[in-house]
Amino acid sequence: MPQQDLSAGAPATHTTTTVERGSFAVARCTCGWSGPARRSRDRARTDARSHVPTRTP
């Protein structure tokens, strides 16, 4: 799973969406995170819902 980039330029809120690419759906977030490509749109939506940013001090 890709790591999140929580740099100073990252948005404070995380807004997730799903994007279709051919036969696949991908969950994406405004922070730069993206989930794995899924053939199931429902699985991609689940990935988006379960995306919770982790902040490190």
PDB file of N, CA and C in Angstrom:
ATOM      1  N   MET A   1       0.847  -1.178   0.000  1.00  0.00           N
ATOM      2  CA  MET A   1       0.000   0.000   0.000  1.00  0.00           C
ATOM      3  C   MET A   1       0.891   1.239   0.000  1.00  0.00           C
ATOM      4  N   PRO A   2       0.596   2.230  -0.840  1.00  0.00           N
ATOM      5  CA  PRO A   2       1.426   3.422  -0.913  1.00  0.00           C
ATOM      6  C   PRO A   2       1.416   4.199   0.395  1.00  0.00           C
ATOM      7  N   GLN A   3       2.529   4.826   0.709  1.00  0.00           N
ATOM      8  CA  GLN A   3       2.622   5.644   1.904  1.00  0.00           C
ATOM      9  C   GLN A   3       2.034   7.017   1.623  1.00  0.00           C
ATOM     10  N   GLN A   4       1.545   7.662   2.677  1.00  0.00           N
ATOM     11  CA  GLN A   4       0.977   8.988   2.539  1.00  0.00           C
ATOM     12  C   GLN A   4       2.065  10.029   2.665  1.00  0.00           C
ATOM     13  N   ASP A   5       1.931  11.109   1.918  1.00  0.00           N
ATOM     14  CA  ASP A   5       2.847  12.234   2.018  1.00  0.00           C
ATOM     15  C   ASP A   5       2.165  13.303   2.854  1.00  0.00           C
ATOM     16  N   LEU A   6       2.597  13.443   4.101  1.00  0.00           N
ATOM     17  CA  LEU A   6       1.984  14.417   4.993  1.00  0.00           C
ATOM     18  C   LEU A   6       2.879  15.642   5.142  1.00  0.00           C
ATOM     19  N   SER A   7       3.426  16.125   4.030  1.00  0.00           N
ATOM     20  CA  SER A   7       4.309  17.281   4.049  1.00  0.00           C
ATOM     21  C   SER A   7       3.514  18.544   4.357  1.00  0.00           C
ATOM     22  N   ALA A   8       4.218  19.639   4.521  1.00  0.00           N
ATOM     23  CA  ALA A   8       3.579  20.896   4.888  1.00  0.00           C
ATOM     24  C   ALA A   8       2.569  21.347   3.839  1.00  0.00           C
ATOM     25  N   GLY A   9       2.728  20.954   2.592  1.00  0.00           N
ATOM     26  CA  GLY A   9       1.821  21.376   1.545  1.00  0.00           C
ATOM     27  C   GLY A   9       0.575  20.524   1.437  1.00  0.00           C
ATOM     28  N   ALA A  10       0.463  19.478   2.234  1.00  0.00           N
ATOM     29  CA  ALA A  10      -0.690  18.579   2.172  1.00  0.00           C
ATOM     30  C   ALA A  10      -1.919  19.264   2.758  1.00  0.00           C
ATOM     31  N   PRO A  11      -3.092  19.036   2.183  1.00  0.00           N
ATOM     32  CA  PRO A  11      -4.307  19.652   2.711  1.00  0.00           C
ATOM     33  C   PRO A  11      -4.634  19.147   4.111  1.00  0.00           C
ATOM     34  N   ALA A  12      -5.314  19.981   4.902  1.00  0.00           N
ATOM     35  CA  ALA A  12      -5.653  19.610   6.275  1.00  0.00           C
ATOM     36  C   ALA A  12      -6.765  18.572   6.309  1.00  0.00           C
ATOM     37  N   THR A  13      -7.679  18.612   5.358  1.00  0.00           N
ATOM     38  CA  THR A  13      -8.768  17.649   5.323  1.00  0.00           C
ATOM     39  C   THR A  13      -8.503  16.609   4.247  1.00  0.00           C
ATOM     40  N   HIS A  14      -9.039  15.446   4.445  1.00  0.00           N
ATOM     41  CA  HIS A  14      -8.867  14.356   3.493  1.00  0.00           C
ATOM     42  C   HIS A  14     -10.207  14.084   2.830  1.00  0.00           C
ATOM     43  N   THR A  15     -10.260  14.290   1.530  1.00  0.00           N
ATOM     44  CA  THR A  15     -11.463  14.035   0.756  1.00  0.00           C
ATOM     45  C   THR A  15     -11.157  12.912  -0.219  1.00  0.00           C
ATOM     46  N   THR A  16     -11.874  11.806  -0.086  1.00  0.00           N
ATOM     47  CA  THR A  16     -11.616  10.659  -0.948  1.00  0.00           C
ATOM     48  C   THR A  16     -12.647  10.571  -2.063  1.00  0.00           C
ATOM     49  N   THR A  17     -12.200  10.037  -3.191  1.00  0.00           N
ATOM     50  CA  THR A  17     -13.052   9.796  -4.345  1.00  0.00           C
ATOM     51  C   THR A  17     -12.633   8.482  -4.979  1.00  0.00           C
ATOM     52  N   THR A  18     -13.442   7.998  -5.888  1.00  0.00           N
ATOM     53  CA  THR A  18     -13.032   6.844  -6.680  1.00  0.00           C
ATOM     54  C   THR A  18     -12.965   7.289  -8.136  1.00  0.00           C
ATOM     55  N   VAL A  19     -11.952   6.779  -8.830  1.00  0.00           N
ATOM     56  CA  VAL A  19     -11.715   7.133 -10.220  1.00  0.00           C
ATOM     57  C   VAL A  19     -11.688   5.843 -11.022  1.00  0.00           C
ATOM     58  N   GLU A  20     -12.365   5.844 -12.160  1.00  0.00           N
ATOM     59  CA  GLU A  20     -12.365   4.660 -13.018  1.00  0.00           C
ATOM     60  C   GLU A  20     -11.312   4.798 -14.100  1.00  0.00           C
ATOM     61  N   ARG A  21     -10.564   3.722 -14.289  1.00  0.00           N
ATOM     62  CA  ARG A  21      -9.552   3.635 -15.339  1.00  0.00           C
ATOM     63  C   ARG A  21      -9.776   2.336 -16.085  1.00  0.00           C
ATOM     64  N   GLY A  22     -10.489   2.412 -17.192  1.00  0.00           N
ATOM     65  CA  GLY A  22     -10.801   1.199 -17.936  1.00  0.00           C
ATOM     66  C   GLY A  22     -11.666   0.277 -17.104  1.00  0.00           C
ATOM     67  N   SER A  23     -11.201  -0.949 -16.905  1.00  0.00           N
ATOM     68  CA  SER A  23     -11.954  -1.944 -16.130  1.00  0.00           C
ATOM     69  C   SER A  23     -11.725  -1.825 -14.633  1.00  0.00           C
ATOM     70  N   PHE A  24     -10.900  -0.884 -14.210  1.00  0.00           N
ATOM     71  CA  PHE A  24     -10.508  -0.786 -12.811  1.00  0.00           C
ATOM     72  C   PHE A  24     -11.019   0.491 -12.163  1.00  0.00           C
ATOM     73  N   ALA A  25     -11.194   0.438 -10.856  1.00  0.00           N
ATOM     74  CA  ALA A  25     -11.551   1.596 -10.042  1.00  0.00           C
ATOM     75  C   ALA A  25     -10.458   1.777  -8.996  1.00  0.00           C
ATOM     76  N   VAL A  26     -10.107   3.035  -8.732  1.00  0.00           N
ATOM     77  CA  VAL A  26      -9.045   3.351  -7.780  1.00  0.00           C
ATOM     78  C   VAL A  26      -9.565   4.394  -6.804  1.00  0.00           C
ATOM     79  N   ALA A  27      -9.310   4.189  -5.516  1.00  0.00           N
ATOM     80  CA  ALA A  27      -9.646   5.179  -4.502  1.00  0.00           C
ATOM     81  C   ALA A  27      -8.500   6.176  -4.420  1.00  0.00           C
ATOM     82  N   ARG A  28      -8.835   7.460  -4.336  1.00  0.00           N
ATOM     83  CA  ARG A  28      -7.817   8.513  -4.235  1.00  0.00           C
ATOM     84  C   ARG A  28      -8.221   9.510  -3.170  1.00  0.00           C
ATOM     85  N   CYS A  29      -7.215  10.185  -2.625  1.00  0.00           N
ATOM     86  CA  CYS A  29      -7.449  11.182  -1.588  1.00  0.00           C
ATOM     87  C   CYS A  29      -6.737  12.478  -1.966  1.00  0.00           C
ATOM     88  N   THR A  30      -7.226  13.594  -1.452  1.00  0.00           N
ATOM     89  CA  THR A  30      -6.606  14.890  -1.728  1.00  0.00           C
ATOM     90  C   THR A  30      -5.213  15.005  -1.111  1.00  0.00           C
ATOM     91  N   CYS A  31      -4.866  14.114  -0.181  1.00  0.00           N
ATOM     92  CA  CYS A  31      -3.532  14.145   0.429  1.00  0.00           C
ATOM     93  C   CYS A  31      -2.480  13.478  -0.451  1.00  0.00           C
ATOM     94  N   GLY A  32      -2.915  12.841  -1.549  1.00  0.00           N
ATOM     95  CA  GLY A  32      -1.971  12.169  -2.433  1.00  0.00           C
ATOM     96  C   GLY A  32      -2.022  10.657  -2.336  1.00  0.00           C
ATOM     97  N   TRP A  33      -2.707  10.133  -1.345  1.00  0.00           N
ATOM     98  CA  TRP A  33      -2.842   8.682  -1.174  1.00  0.00           C
ATOM     99  C   TRP A  33      -3.694   8.107  -2.288  1.00  0.00           C
ATOM    100  N   SER A  34      -3.364   6.905  -2.721  1.00  0.00           N
ATOM    101  CA  SER A  34      -4.241   6.178  -3.640  1.00  0.00           C
ATOM    102  C   SER A  34      -4.192   4.703  -3.278  1.00  0.00           C
ATOM    103  N   GLY A  35      -5.333   4.077  -3.379  1.00  0.00           N
ATOM    104  CA  GLY A  35      -5.440   2.657  -3.068  1.00  0.00           C
ATOM    105  C   GLY A  35      -5.091   1.814  -4.278  1.00  0.00           C
ATOM    106  N   PRO A  36      -5.131   0.509  -4.123  1.00  0.00           N
ATOM    107  CA  PRO A  36      -4.837  -0.384  -5.246  1.00  0.00           C
ATOM    108  C   PRO A  36      -5.963  -0.358  -6.280  1.00  0.00           C
ATOM    109  N   ALA A  37      -5.620  -0.666  -7.516  1.00  0.00           N
ATOM    110  CA  ALA A  37      -6.629  -0.755  -8.574  1.00  0.00           C
ATOM    111  C   ALA A  37      -7.495  -1.985  -8.304  1.00  0.00           C
ATOM    112  N   ARG A  38      -8.791  -1.803  -8.387  1.00  0.00           N
ATOM    113  CA  ARG A  38      -9.735  -2.890  -8.107  1.00  0.00           C
ATOM    114  C   ARG A  38     -10.683  -3.073  -9.286  1.00  0.00           C
ATOM    115  N   ARG A  39     -11.026  -4.310  -9.574  1.00  0.00           N
ATOM    116  CA  ARG A  39     -12.062  -4.556 -10.580  1.00  0.00           C
ATOM    117  C   ARG A  39     -13.443  -4.298  -9.986  1.00  0.00           C
ATOM    118  N   SER A  40     -13.548  -4.389  -8.678  1.00  0.00           N
ATOM    119  CA  SER A  40     -14.812  -4.153  -7.982  1.00  0.00           C
ATOM    120  C   SER A  40     -14.886  -2.693  -7.536  1.00  0.00           C
ATOM    121  N   ARG A  41     -15.868  -1.975  -8.032  1.00  0.00           N
ATOM    122  CA  ARG A  41     -16.052  -0.581  -7.605  1.00  0.00           C
ATOM    123  C   ARG A  41     -16.366  -0.514  -6.114  1.00  0.00           C
ATOM    124  N   ASP A  42     -17.118  -1.504  -5.614  1.00  0.00           N
ATOM    125  CA  ASP A  42     -17.446  -1.533  -4.195  1.00  0.00           C
ATOM    126  C   ASP A  42     -16.195  -1.651  -3.339  1.00  0.00           C
ATOM    127  N   ARG A  43     -15.249  -2.472  -3.744  1.00  0.00           N
ATOM    128  CA  ARG A  43     -13.982  -2.601  -2.991  1.00  0.00           C
ATOM    129  C   ARG A  43     -13.204  -1.296  -3.014  1.00  0.00           C
ATOM    130  N   ALA A  44     -13.206  -0.601  -4.150  1.00  0.00           N
ATOM    131  CA  ALA A  44     -12.517   0.691  -4.235  1.00  0.00           C
ATOM    132  C   ALA A  44     -13.181   1.708  -3.306  1.00  0.00           C
ATOM    133  N   ARG A  45     -14.519   1.705  -3.232  1.00  0.00           N
ATOM    134  CA  ARG A  45     -15.219   2.596  -2.308  1.00  0.00           C
ATOM    135  C   ARG A  45     -14.893   2.239  -0.859  1.00  0.00           C
ATOM    136  N   THR A  46     -14.775   0.951  -0.564  1.00  0.00           N
ATOM    137  CA  THR A  46     -14.396   0.517   0.783  1.00  0.00           C
ATOM    138  C   THR A  46     -12.994   1.004   1.122  1.00  0.00           C
ATOM    139  N   ASP A  47     -12.070   0.909   0.159  1.00  0.00           N
ATOM    140  CA  ASP A  47     -10.714   1.435   0.369  1.00  0.00           C
ATOM    141  C   ASP A  47     -10.771   2.922   0.703  1.00  0.00           C
ATOM    142  N   ALA A  48     -11.597   3.675  -0.032  1.00  0.00           N
ATOM    143  CA  ALA A  48     -11.712   5.114   0.199  1.00  0.00           C
ATOM    144  C   ALA A  48     -12.261   5.398   1.593  1.00  0.00           C
ATOM    145  N   ARG A  49     -13.299   4.665   2.008  1.00  0.00           N
ATOM    146  CA  ARG A  49     -13.896   4.880   3.329  1.00  0.00           C
ATOM    147  C   ARG A  49     -12.923   4.526   4.455  1.00  0.00           C
ATOM    148  N   SER A  50     -12.082   3.524   4.231  1.00  0.00           N
ATOM    149  CA  SER A  50     -11.183   3.084   5.306  1.00  0.00           C
ATOM    150  C   SER A  50      -9.886   3.868   5.353  1.00  0.00           C
ATOM    151  N   HIS A  51      -9.690   4.805   4.418  1.00  0.00           N
ATOM    152  CA  HIS A  51      -8.478   5.631   4.429  1.00  0.00           C
ATOM    153  C   HIS A  51      -8.544   6.600   5.603  1.00  0.00           C
ATOM    154  N   VAL A  52      -7.651   6.383   6.546  1.00  0.00           N
ATOM    155  CA  VAL A  52      -7.564   7.272   7.709  1.00  0.00           C
ATOM    156  C   VAL A  52      -6.122   7.734   7.800  1.00  0.00           C
ATOM    157  N   PRO A  53      -5.891   9.020   7.717  1.00  0.00           N
ATOM    158  CA  PRO A  53      -4.515   9.518   7.775  1.00  0.00           C
ATOM    159  C   PRO A  53      -3.886   9.264   9.136  1.00  0.00           C
ATOM    160  N   THR A  54      -2.616   8.931   9.120  1.00  0.00           N
ATOM    161  CA  THR A  54      -1.861   8.772  10.376  1.00  0.00           C
ATOM    162  C   THR A  54      -0.841   9.883  10.428  1.00  0.00           C
ATOM    163  N   ARG A  55      -0.850  10.599  11.489  1.00  0.00           N
ATOM    164  CA  ARG A  55       0.077  11.731  11.638  1.00  0.00           C
ATOM    165  C   ARG A  55       1.200  11.318  12.591  1.00  0.00           C
ATOM    166  N   THR A  56       2.403  11.658  12.205  1.00  0.00           N
ATOM    167  CA  THR A  56       3.550  11.381  13.060  1.00  0.00           C
ATOM    168  C   THR A  56       4.092  12.699  13.583  1.00  0.00           C
ATOM    169  N   PRO A  57       4.532  12.725  14.831  1.00  0.00           N
ATOM    170  CA  PRO A  57       5.026  13.990  15.421  1.00  0.00           C
ATOM    171  C   PRO A  57       6.310  14.450  14.793  1.00  0.00           C
TER     172      PRO A  57
END
